[in-house]
């Protein structure tokens, strides 16, 4: 098991409007491949926005960094990152 100081933050760029799908697929792949020791978390930062439409109060989530995910990863050896399409 890696110590918390061995992890670093990385950004992952996704195609427009695919960040939710990519996050879901990455979470599934991490679980299926048992990579939990190497990937601490994957974040899609969102902000709750309250507004009024047609006289009704409404809450929605706004992505802070559209098309980007933040990931906390431990890379123990030089690794060649690859593009997943």
C-alpha atoms as a PDB file:
ATOM      1  CA  UNK A   1       0.000   0.000   0.000  1.00  0.00           C
ATOM      2  CA  UNK A   2       1.293   3.461  -0.891  1.00  0.00           C
ATOM      3  CA  UNK A   3       1.574   6.230   1.648  1.00  0.00           C
ATOM      4  CA  UNK A   4      -0.534   9.360   1.086  1.00  0.00           C
ATOM      5  CA  UNK A   5       2.590  11.392   0.303  1.00  0.00           C
ATOM      6  CA  UNK A   6       3.275   9.196  -2.750  1.00  0.00           C
ATOM      7  CA  UNK A   7       0.097  10.379  -4.514  1.00  0.00           C
ATOM      8  CA  UNK A   8       0.015  13.349  -6.868  1.00  0.00           C
ATOM      9  CA  UNK A   9      -2.837  15.263  -8.490  1.00  0.00           C
ATOM     10  CA  UNK A  10      -3.298  14.973 -12.255  1.00  0.00           C
ATOM     11  CA  UNK A  11      -5.832  16.465 -14.644  1.00  0.00           C
ATOM     12  CA  UNK A  12      -7.611  14.385 -17.245  1.00  0.00           C
ATOM     13  CA  UNK A  13      -9.034  16.122 -20.277  1.00  0.00           C
ATOM     14  CA  UNK A  14     -12.210  14.623 -21.726  1.00  0.00           C
ATOM     15  CA  UNK A  15     -14.316  15.323 -24.758  1.00  0.00           C
ATOM     16  CA  UNK A  16     -16.961  17.980 -24.353  1.00  0.00           C
ATOM     17  CA  UNK A  17     -19.934  16.811 -22.237  1.00  0.00           C
ATOM     18  CA  UNK A  18     -18.401  13.360 -21.679  1.00  0.00           C
ATOM     19  CA  UNK A  19     -16.817  13.991 -18.273  1.00  0.00           C
ATOM     20  CA  UNK A  20     -19.620  12.274 -16.316  1.00  0.00           C
ATOM     21  CA  UNK A  21     -19.425   9.219 -18.540  1.00  0.00           C
ATOM     22  CA  UNK A  22     -15.622   9.079 -18.335  1.00  0.00           C
ATOM     23  CA  UNK A  23     -15.716   9.363 -14.531  1.00  0.00           C
ATOM     24  CA  UNK A  24     -18.253   6.536 -14.301  1.00  0.00           C
ATOM     25  CA  UNK A  25     -16.167   4.308 -16.628  1.00  0.00           C
ATOM     26  CA  UNK A  26     -12.927   5.070 -14.770  1.00  0.00           C
ATOM     27  CA  UNK A  27     -14.520   4.299 -11.403  1.00  0.00           C
ATOM     28  CA  UNK A  28     -15.752   0.981 -12.804  1.00  0.00           C
ATOM     29  CA  UNK A  29     -12.346   0.146 -14.336  1.00  0.00           C
ATOM     30  CA  UNK A  30     -10.551   0.943 -11.064  1.00  0.00           C
ATOM     31  CA  UNK A  31     -12.905  -1.379  -9.195  1.00  0.00           C
ATOM     32  CA  UNK A  32     -12.761  -4.174 -11.799  1.00  0.00           C
ATOM     33  CA  UNK A  33      -8.983  -4.044 -12.218  1.00  0.00           C
ATOM     34  CA  UNK A  34      -8.390  -3.678  -8.444  1.00  0.00           C
ATOM     35  CA  UNK A  35      -6.370  -0.487  -8.931  1.00  0.00           C
ATOM     36  CA  UNK A  36      -7.553   1.131  -5.693  1.00  0.00           C
ATOM     37  CA  UNK A  37      -3.982   1.127  -4.349  1.00  0.00           C
ATOM     38  CA  UNK A  38      -2.852   3.358  -7.227  1.00  0.00           C
ATOM     39  CA  UNK A  39      -5.856   5.649  -7.734  1.00  0.00           C
ATOM     40  CA  UNK A  40      -7.114   7.321  -4.558  1.00  0.00           C
ATOM     41  CA  UNK A  41      -9.952   9.311  -6.114  1.00  0.00           C
ATOM     42  CA  UNK A  42     -11.311  10.893  -9.252  1.00  0.00           C
ATOM     43  CA  UNK A  43     -13.186  14.174  -8.884  1.00  0.00           C
ATOM     44  CA  UNK A  44     -15.505  16.133 -11.118  1.00  0.00           C
ATOM     45  CA  UNK A  45     -15.824  19.449  -9.237  1.00  0.00           C
ATOM     46  CA  UNK A  46     -19.363  20.847  -9.301  1.00  0.00           C
ATOM     47  CA  UNK A  47     -21.073  23.789  -7.668  1.00  0.00           C
ATOM     48  CA  UNK A  48     -24.732  23.890  -6.618  1.00  0.00           C
ATOM     49  CA  UNK A  49     -26.440  26.891  -8.195  1.00  0.00           C
ATOM     50  CA  UNK A  50     -29.815  28.209  -7.036  1.00  0.00           C
ATOM     51  CA  UNK A  51     -31.900  30.275  -9.412  1.00  0.00           C
ATOM     52  CA  UNK A  52     -35.503  31.157 -10.250  1.00  0.00           C
ATOM     53  CA  UNK A  53     -37.214  30.100 -13.449  1.00  0.00           C
ATOM     54  CA  UNK A  54     -40.856  30.782 -14.170  1.00  0.00           C
ATOM     55  CA  UNK A  55     -41.298  31.938 -10.576  1.00  0.00           C
ATOM     56  CA  UNK A  56     -40.032  28.643  -9.140  1.00  0.00           C
ATOM     57  CA  UNK A  57     -36.881  28.116  -7.116  1.00  0.00           C
ATOM     58  CA  UNK A  58     -34.562  25.639  -8.796  1.00  0.00           C
ATOM     59  CA  UNK A  59     -31.244  24.016  -7.867  1.00  0.00           C
ATOM     60  CA  UNK A  60     -28.827  22.686 -10.429  1.00  0.00           C
ATOM     61  CA  UNK A  61     -25.207  21.636 -10.561  1.00  0.00           C
ATOM     62  CA  UNK A  62     -22.679  23.584 -12.594  1.00  0.00           C
ATOM     63  CA  UNK A  63     -19.348  22.025 -13.517  1.00  0.00           C
ATOM     64  CA  UNK A  64     -16.445  24.154 -12.319  1.00  0.00           C
ATOM     65  CA  UNK A  65     -14.028  22.775 -14.926  1.00  0.00           C
ATOM     66  CA  UNK A  66     -16.024  21.469 -17.905  1.00  0.00           C
ATOM     67  CA  UNK A  67     -14.279  18.671 -19.824  1.00  0.00           C
ATOM     68  CA  UNK A  68     -11.730  18.057 -17.027  1.00  0.00           C
ATOM     69  CA  UNK A  69     -11.456  15.538 -14.203  1.00  0.00           C
ATOM     70  CA  UNK A  70      -9.057  15.724 -11.271  1.00  0.00           C
ATOM     71  CA  UNK A  71      -7.397  12.508 -10.152  1.00  0.00           C
ATOM     72  CA  UNK A  72      -5.193  11.594  -7.199  1.00  0.00           C
ATOM     73  CA  UNK A  73      -2.849   8.884  -8.516  1.00  0.00           C
ATOM     74  CA  UNK A  74       0.296   7.075  -7.404  1.00  0.00           C
ATOM     75  CA  UNK A  75       2.649   6.234 -10.273  1.00  0.00           C
ATOM     76  CA  UNK A  76       5.453   4.055  -8.925  1.00  0.00           C
ATOM     77  CA  UNK A  77       7.540   3.692 -12.077  1.00  0.00           C
ATOM     78  CA  UNK A  78       7.846   5.633 -15.321  1.00  0.00           C
ATOM     79  CA  UNK A  79       4.575   5.024 -17.049  1.00  0.00           C
ATOM     80  CA  UNK A  80       3.537   5.850 -20.544  1.00  0.00           C
ATOM     81  CA  UNK A  81       0.110   7.445 -20.433  1.00  0.00           C
ATOM     82  CA  UNK A  82      -2.207   6.486 -23.208  1.00  0.00           C
ATOM     83  CA  UNK A  83      -5.210   7.978 -24.877  1.00  0.00           C
ATOM     84  CA  UNK A  84      -8.483   6.154 -24.332  1.00  0.00           C
ATOM     85  CA  UNK A  85     -11.165   6.795 -26.905  1.00  0.00           C
END
